[in-house]
Amino acid sequence: MPPAERPLPSHAAEPPQEPLPYGRWGEALGDHFKAAAAGIKTDEELGDAGEITWFPDRTWGGRTYVPGTAPTSEGFELFGYVSYTREHEGAQAADFAAVVDYTDETAEANPDWTLDLSDQEIGHWRGPEARRGVITLVWGVSQVTNGAVATTELGPTTTDQCLLVEDRFTLVSLDDYTGDYVEVRLFAQRGAELARESLYEDED
């Protein structure tokens, strides 16, 4: 196989290793999530956070990221992640950190959506000739039936994939690199494409 014309990090994050959070573990992660939400600085009245929906975990750069979303009593949606480290497999989680933001764009208000996506920047990547990009954590919910696998695409390159769990997925991808931006695609079990969505709104 010849050398790659454009070497990129792909499939660099570990696939999900644990079930979706529940019980005491879900409550512990939820405490970090809600504490971060309480620190959001805004003039909006966000209201109280509802039940958190958790997404598959992904580990990149030595940290495990568990994304989540939660509706609020004022009609907003909180979105973000809780991350942590483990010294070794089976060790207690430590060094917790959480990032949470909010939006007024929700799937309930947009019935035409095929994918309900959220994202947060979690790192940077430097390529040849001083080219730079960002590492983006992307998570979402399929709004169409029969979805099996979600992928991220950066130009012609597939950079990550994740099996859906209860219609949810989490991806980690290089983004904003040499003029290319992440696009998420959803596929059925046999490979038929069901949906695709950019992380960036089209500007007319």
C-alpha atoms as a PDB file:
ATOM      1  CA  MET A   1       0.000   0.000   0.000  1.00  0.00           C
ATOM      2  CA  PRO A   2       1.501   3.404  -0.960  1.00  0.00           C
ATOM      3  CA  PRO A   3       2.001   6.161   1.630  1.00  0.00           C
ATOM      4  CA  ALA A   4      -1.068   8.258   2.421  1.00  0.00           C
ATOM      5  CA  GLU A   5      -1.267  11.530   0.524  1.00  0.00           C
ATOM      6  CA  ARG A   6      -2.812  13.204   3.568  1.00  0.00           C
ATOM      7  CA  PRO A   7      -1.942  11.366   6.810  1.00  0.00           C
ATOM      8  CA  LEU A   8      -4.672  11.909   9.397  1.00  0.00           C
ATOM      9  CA  PRO A   9      -5.479  10.436  12.810  1.00  0.00           C
ATOM     10  CA  SER A  10      -8.408   8.073  12.328  1.00  0.00           C
ATOM     11  CA  HIS A  11     -10.190   5.659  14.670  1.00  0.00           C
ATOM     12  CA  ALA A  12      -7.824   6.915  17.392  1.00  0.00           C
ATOM     13  CA  ALA A  13     -10.329   6.774  20.264  1.00  0.00           C
ATOM     14  CA  GLU A  14     -11.063   3.486  22.007  1.00  0.00           C
ATOM     15  CA  PRO A  15     -14.521   2.082  21.266  1.00  0.00           C
ATOM     16  CA  PRO A  16     -17.074   2.143  24.111  1.00  0.00           C
ATOM     17  CA  GLN A  17     -15.947  -0.097  26.975  1.00  0.00           C
ATOM     18  CA  GLU A  18     -18.816   0.153  29.475  1.00  0.00           C
ATOM     19  CA  PRO A  19     -22.628   0.095  29.448  1.00  0.00           C
ATOM     20  CA  LEU A  20     -24.516   3.373  29.463  1.00  0.00           C
ATOM     21  CA  PRO A  21     -24.236   4.851  32.993  1.00  0.00           C
ATOM     22  CA  TYR A  22     -26.945   3.867  35.467  1.00  0.00           C
ATOM     23  CA  GLY A  23     -27.456   3.480  39.216  1.00  0.00           C
ATOM     24  CA  ARG A  24     -24.836   4.941  41.557  1.00  0.00           C
ATOM     25  CA  TRP A  25     -22.347   5.454  38.719  1.00  0.00           C
ATOM     26  CA  GLY A  26     -24.923   7.403  36.738  1.00  0.00           C
ATOM     27  CA  GLU A  27     -25.726   9.487  39.816  1.00  0.00           C
ATOM     28  CA  ALA A  28     -22.030  10.237  40.407  1.00  0.00           C
ATOM     29  CA  LEU A  29     -21.544  11.384  36.814  1.00  0.00           C
ATOM     30  CA  GLY A  30     -24.793  13.330  37.042  1.00  0.00           C
ATOM     31  CA  ASP A  31     -23.511  15.287  40.043  1.00  0.00           C
ATOM     32  CA  HIS A  32     -20.504  16.467  38.004  1.00  0.00           C
ATOM     33  CA  PHE A  33     -22.711  17.266  35.007  1.00  0.00           C
ATOM     34  CA  LYS A  34     -25.176  19.320  37.063  1.00  0.00           C
ATOM     35  CA  ALA A  35     -22.387  21.141  38.914  1.00  0.00           C
ATOM     36  CA  ALA A  36     -20.919  22.222  35.568  1.00  0.00           C
ATOM     37  CA  ALA A  37     -24.380  23.273  34.363  1.00  0.00           C
ATOM     38  CA  ALA A  38     -24.840  25.412  37.470  1.00  0.00           C
ATOM     39  CA  GLY A  39     -21.709  27.334  36.482  1.00  0.00           C
ATOM     40  CA  ILE A  40     -23.010  28.384  33.048  1.00  0.00           C
ATOM     41  CA  LYS A  41     -22.874  32.166  32.747  1.00  0.00           C
ATOM     42  CA  THR A  42     -25.889  33.497  30.861  1.00  0.00           C
ATOM     43  CA  ASP A  43     -28.700  36.022  31.175  1.00  0.00           C
ATOM     44  CA  GLU A  44     -31.187  33.312  30.172  1.00  0.00           C
ATOM     45  CA  GLU A  45     -33.346  31.630  32.787  1.00  0.00           C
ATOM     46  CA  LEU A  46     -32.370  28.054  32.026  1.00  0.00           C
ATOM     47  CA  GLY A  47     -34.543  26.455  34.696  1.00  0.00           C
ATOM     48  CA  ASP A  48     -33.952  23.155  36.447  1.00  0.00           C
ATOM     49  CA  ALA A  49     -32.214  20.250  34.736  1.00  0.00           C
ATOM     50  CA  GLY A  50     -34.285  17.165  33.999  1.00  0.00           C
ATOM     51  CA  GLU A  51     -33.151  13.562  33.643  1.00  0.00           C
ATOM     52  CA  ILE A  52     -29.772  13.167  31.947  1.00  0.00           C
ATOM     53  CA  THR A  53     -29.535  11.001  28.836  1.00  0.00           C
ATOM     54  CA  TRP A  54     -26.088   9.402  28.687  1.00  0.00           C
ATOM     55  CA  PHE A  55     -24.207   8.370  25.567  1.00  0.00           C
ATOM     56  CA  PRO A  56     -21.539   5.711  24.908  1.00  0.00           C
ATOM     57  CA  ASP A  57     -18.140   6.391  26.483  1.00  0.00           C
ATOM     58  CA  ARG A  58     -15.049   7.033  24.358  1.00  0.00           C
ATOM     59  CA  THR A  59     -11.450   7.189  25.560  1.00  0.00           C
ATOM     60  CA  TRP A  60      -8.901   9.420  23.842  1.00  0.00           C
ATOM     61  CA  GLY A  61      -5.573  10.777  25.065  1.00  0.00           C
ATOM     62  CA  GLY A  62      -5.813   8.900  28.361  1.00  0.00           C
ATOM     63  CA  ARG A  63      -9.201  10.373  29.338  1.00  0.00           C
ATOM     64  CA  THR A  64     -12.619   8.759  29.116  1.00  0.00           C
ATOM     65  CA  TYR A  65     -15.440  11.028  27.943  1.00  0.00           C
ATOM     66  CA  VAL A  66     -19.097  10.312  28.720  1.00  0.00           C
ATOM     67  CA  PRO A  67     -21.415  12.763  26.943  1.00  0.00           C
ATOM     68  CA  GLY A  68     -24.880  13.636  28.167  1.00  0.00           C
ATOM     69  CA  THR A  69     -27.881  15.839  27.459  1.00  0.00           C
ATOM     70  CA  ALA A  70     -30.727  16.985  29.675  1.00  0.00           C
ATOM     71  CA  PRO A  71     -33.863  19.063  29.092  1.00  0.00           C
ATOM     72  CA  THR A  72     -34.563  22.009  31.373  1.00  0.00           C
ATOM     73  CA  SER A  73     -37.816  23.247  32.857  1.00  0.00           C
ATOM     74  CA  GLU A  74     -37.609  26.390  30.681  1.00  0.00           C
ATOM     75  CA  GLY A  75     -37.401  24.537  27.362  1.00  0.00           C
ATOM     76  CA  PHE A  76     -33.638  24.577  26.842  1.00  0.00           C
ATOM     77  CA  GLU A  77     -31.334  21.593  26.477  1.00  0.00           C
ATOM     78  CA  LEU A  78     -28.103  21.131  28.400  1.00  0.00           C
ATOM     79  CA  PHE A  79     -25.344  19.282  26.561  1.00  0.00           C
ATOM     80  CA  GLY A  80     -21.820  18.375  27.548  1.00  0.00           C
ATOM     81  CA  TYR A  81     -19.649  15.635  28.956  1.00  0.00           C
ATOM     82  CA  VAL A  82     -18.051  14.293  32.104  1.00  0.00           C
ATOM     83  CA  SER A  83     -14.496  12.995  31.715  1.00  0.00           C
ATOM     84  CA  TYR A  84     -12.156  11.099  34.013  1.00  0.00           C
ATOM     85  CA  THR A  85      -9.006   8.994  34.101  1.00  0.00           C
ATOM     86  CA  ARG A  86      -8.140   5.540  35.448  1.00  0.00           C
ATOM     87  CA  GLU A  87      -4.613   4.460  36.401  1.00  0.00           C
ATOM     88  CA  HIS A  88      -5.317   1.054  34.907  1.00  0.00           C
ATOM     89  CA  GLU A  89      -8.247  -1.070  33.806  1.00  0.00           C
ATOM     90  CA  GLY A  90     -10.456  -1.734  36.818  1.00  0.00           C
ATOM     91  CA  ALA A  91      -9.050   1.164  38.865  1.00  0.00           C
ATOM     92  CA  GLN A  92     -11.302   3.769  40.448  1.00  0.00           C
ATOM     93  CA  ALA A  93     -12.194   6.720  38.231  1.00  0.00           C
ATOM     94  CA  ALA A  94     -10.356   9.908  39.229  1.00  0.00           C
ATOM     95  CA  ASP A  95      -9.532  13.429  38.061  1.00  0.00           C
ATOM     96  CA  PHE A  96     -13.110  14.211  37.036  1.00  0.00           C
ATOM     97  CA  ALA A  97     -13.856  17.193  34.806  1.00  0.00           C
ATOM     98  CA  ALA A  98     -17.098  18.337  33.211  1.00  0.00           C
ATOM     99  CA  VAL A  99     -18.036  20.781  30.459  1.00  0.00           C
ATOM    100  CA  VAL A 100     -21.683  21.736  29.911  1.00  0.00           C
ATOM    101  CA  ASP A 101     -23.356  24.296  27.648  1.00  0.00           C
ATOM    102  CA  TYR A 102     -26.947  24.909  26.576  1.00  0.00           C
ATOM    103  CA  THR A 103     -29.015  25.408  23.436  1.00  0.00           C
ATOM    104  CA  ASP A 104     -32.554  26.357  22.512  1.00  0.00           C
ATOM    105  CA  GLU A 105     -32.402  24.202  19.353  1.00  0.00           C
ATOM    106  CA  THR A 106     -34.003  20.876  20.260  1.00  0.00           C
ATOM    107  CA  ALA A 107     -35.116  17.820  18.321  1.00  0.00           C
ATOM    108  CA  GLU A 108     -38.650  18.270  19.641  1.00  0.00           C
ATOM    109  CA  ALA A 109     -38.816  21.691  17.978  1.00  0.00           C
ATOM    110  CA  ASN A 110     -37.285  20.398  14.726  1.00  0.00           C
ATOM    111  CA  PRO A 111     -39.193  17.303  13.580  1.00  0.00           C
ATOM    112  CA  ASP A 112     -37.404  17.390  10.206  1.00  0.00           C
ATOM    113  CA  TRP A 113     -34.038  16.500  11.788  1.00  0.00           C
ATOM    114  CA  THR A 114     -32.647  13.073  10.934  1.00  0.00           C
ATOM    115  CA  LEU A 115     -29.783  13.338  13.457  1.00  0.00           C
ATOM    116  CA  ASP A 116     -29.775  15.236  16.743  1.00  0.00           C
ATOM    117  CA  LEU A 117     -26.098  16.167  17.213  1.00  0.00           C
ATOM    118  CA  SER A 118     -24.008  17.834  19.915  1.00  0.00           C
ATOM    119  CA  ASP A 119     -20.272  18.480  19.982  1.00  0.00           C
ATOM    120  CA  GLN A 120     -17.435  19.857  22.090  1.00  0.00           C
ATOM    121  CA  GLU A 121     -13.777  20.474  21.305  1.00  0.00           C
ATOM    122  CA  ILE A 122     -11.500  18.286  23.447  1.00  0.00           C
ATOM    123  CA  GLY A 123      -8.042  18.802  21.945  1.00  0.00           C
ATOM    124  CA  HIS A 124      -5.817  19.883  19.071  1.00  0.00           C
ATOM    125  CA  TRP A 125      -3.761  18.117  16.423  1.00  0.00           C
ATOM    126  CA  ARG A 126      -0.784  19.392  14.435  1.00  0.00           C
ATOM    127  CA  GLY A 127      -0.117  17.971  11.000  1.00  0.00           C
ATOM    128  CA  PRO A 128       2.677  18.449   8.470  1.00  0.00           C
ATOM    129  CA  GLU A 129       3.736  21.939   7.391  1.00  0.00           C
ATOM    130  CA  ALA A 130       2.255  23.546  10.531  1.00  0.00           C
ATOM    131  CA  ARG A 131      -1.301  22.606   9.570  1.00  0.00           C
ATOM    132  CA  ARG A 132      -3.584  22.502  12.590  1.00  0.00           C
ATOM    133  CA  GLY A 133      -6.961  21.042  13.427  1.00  0.00           C
ATOM    134  CA  VAL A 134      -9.112  20.385  16.467  1.00  0.00           C
ATOM    135  CA  ILE A 135     -10.198  17.100  18.005  1.00  0.00           C
ATOM    136  CA  THR A 136     -13.965  17.116  18.405  1.00  0.00           C
ATOM    137  CA  LEU A 137     -16.181  14.898  20.534  1.00  0.00           C
ATOM    138  CA  VAL A 138     -19.489  14.352  18.726  1.00  0.00           C
ATOM    139  CA  TRP A 139     -22.536  12.600  20.121  1.00  0.00           C
ATOM    140  CA  GLY A 140     -26.052  12.217  18.886  1.00  0.00           C
ATOM    141  CA  VAL A 141     -29.355  10.422  18.591  1.00  0.00           C
ATOM    142  CA  SER A 142     -30.746   8.941  15.404  1.00  0.00           C
ATOM    143  CA  GLN A 143     -34.139  10.409  14.525  1.00  0.00           C
ATOM    144  CA  VAL A 144     -34.765   7.746  11.879  1.00  0.00           C
ATOM    145  CA  THR A 145     -35.331   4.020  12.288  1.00  0.00           C
ATOM    146  CA  ASN A 146     -32.977   1.104  11.568  1.00  0.00           C
ATOM    147  CA  GLY A 147     -29.722   2.968  12.212  1.00  0.00           C
ATOM    148  CA  ALA A 148     -26.832   0.670  13.181  1.00  0.00           C
ATOM    149  CA  VAL A 149     -23.522   2.529  12.784  1.00  0.00           C
ATOM    150  CA  ALA A 150     -22.568   6.214  12.814  1.00  0.00           C
ATOM    151  CA  THR A 151     -19.371   7.566  11.260  1.00  0.00           C
ATOM    152  CA  THR A 152     -17.482  10.832  11.033  1.00  0.00           C
ATOM    153  CA  GLU A 153     -16.152  11.915   7.653  1.00  0.00           C
ATOM    154  CA  LEU A 154     -13.466  14.548   7.090  1.00  0.00           C
ATOM    155  CA  GLY A 155     -13.408  15.205   3.371  1.00  0.00           C
ATOM    156  CA  PRO A 156     -12.882  11.803   1.715  1.00  0.00           C
ATOM    157  CA  THR A 157     -11.621  10.143   4.917  1.00  0.00           C
ATOM    158  CA  THR A 158     -13.671   8.181   7.456  1.00  0.00           C
ATOM    159  CA  THR A 159     -12.149   9.179  10.791  1.00  0.00           C
ATOM    160  CA  ASP A 160     -14.274   7.237  13.308  1.00  0.00           C
ATOM    161  CA  GLN A 161     -17.284   4.969  13.724  1.00  0.00           C
ATOM    162  CA  CYS A 162     -19.536   3.812  16.558  1.00  0.00           C
ATOM    163  CA  LEU A 163     -22.248   1.192  16.888  1.00  0.00           C
ATOM    164  CA  LEU A 164     -25.544   2.660  18.057  1.00  0.00           C
ATOM    165  CA  VAL A 165     -26.724   1.904  21.588  1.00  0.00           C
ATOM    166  CA  GLU A 166     -30.424   2.682  22.072  1.00  0.00           C
ATOM    167  CA  ASP A 167     -30.162   4.922  18.965  1.00  0.00           C
ATOM    168  CA  ARG A 168     -27.247   6.859  20.549  1.00  0.00           C
ATOM    169  CA  PHE A 169     -23.627   7.152  19.456  1.00  0.00           C
ATOM    170  CA  THR A 170     -20.393   8.955  20.345  1.00  0.00           C
ATOM    171  CA  LEU A 171     -17.578   9.796  17.934  1.00  0.00           C
ATOM    172  CA  VAL A 172     -14.130  11.430  18.154  1.00  0.00           C
ATOM    173  CA  SER A 173     -12.692  13.078  15.056  1.00  0.00           C
ATOM    174  CA  LEU A 174     -10.200  15.555  13.718  1.00  0.00           C
ATOM    175  CA  ASP A 175     -12.124  18.635  12.557  1.00  0.00           C
ATOM    176  CA  ASP A 176     -11.511  21.993  10.875  1.00  0.00           C
ATOM    177  CA  TYR A 177      -8.413  20.753   9.048  1.00  0.00           C
ATOM    178  CA  THR A 178      -7.160  22.001   5.660  1.00  0.00           C
ATOM    179  CA  GLY A 179     -10.595  23.383   4.838  1.00  0.00           C
ATOM    180  CA  ASP A 180     -12.505  20.214   5.711  1.00  0.00           C
ATOM    181  CA  TYR A 181     -15.120  19.970   8.447  1.00  0.00           C
ATOM    182  CA  VAL A 182     -16.712  16.961  10.113  1.00  0.00           C
ATOM    183  CA  GLU A 183     -19.820  15.400   8.649  1.00  0.00           C
ATOM    184  CA  VAL A 184     -21.712  12.662  10.514  1.00  0.00           C
ATOM    185  CA  ARG A 185     -23.312   9.823   8.570  1.00  0.00           C
ATOM    186  CA  LEU A 186     -25.703   7.113   9.711  1.00  0.00           C
ATOM    187  CA  PHE A 187     -25.812   3.658   8.157  1.00  0.00           C
ATOM    188  CA  ALA A 188     -28.139   0.679   8.384  1.00  0.00           C
ATOM    189  CA  GLN A 189     -26.909  -2.799   9.319  1.00  0.00           C
ATOM    190  CA  ARG A 190     -26.232  -3.726   5.684  1.00  0.00           C
ATOM    191  CA  GLY A 191     -24.471  -0.478   4.833  1.00  0.00           C
ATOM    192  CA  ALA A 192     -27.236   1.647   3.321  1.00  0.00           C
ATOM    193  CA  GLU A 193     -26.810   5.318   4.178  1.00  0.00           C
ATOM    194  CA  LEU A 194     -29.810   6.623   6.131  1.00  0.00           C
ATOM    195  CA  ALA A 195     -28.770  10.166   7.063  1.00  0.00           C
ATOM    196  CA  ARG A 196     -25.931  12.671   6.977  1.00  0.00           C
ATOM    197  CA  GLU A 197     -25.457  15.956   8.783  1.00  0.00           C
ATOM    198  CA  SER A 198     -22.698  18.557   9.069  1.00  0.00           C
ATOM    199  CA  LEU A 199     -21.762  19.967  12.462  1.00  0.00           C
ATOM    200  CA  TYR A 200     -21.939  23.393  10.870  1.00  0.00           C
ATOM    201  CA  GLU A 201     -25.066  25.141   9.662  1.00  0.00           C
ATOM    202  CA  ASP A 202     -25.110  26.121   6.011  1.00  0.00           C
ATOM    203  CA  GLU A 203     -24.724  29.839   5.505  1.00  0.00           C
ATOM    204  CA  ASP A 204     -26.693  31.320   2.636  1.00  0.00           C
END
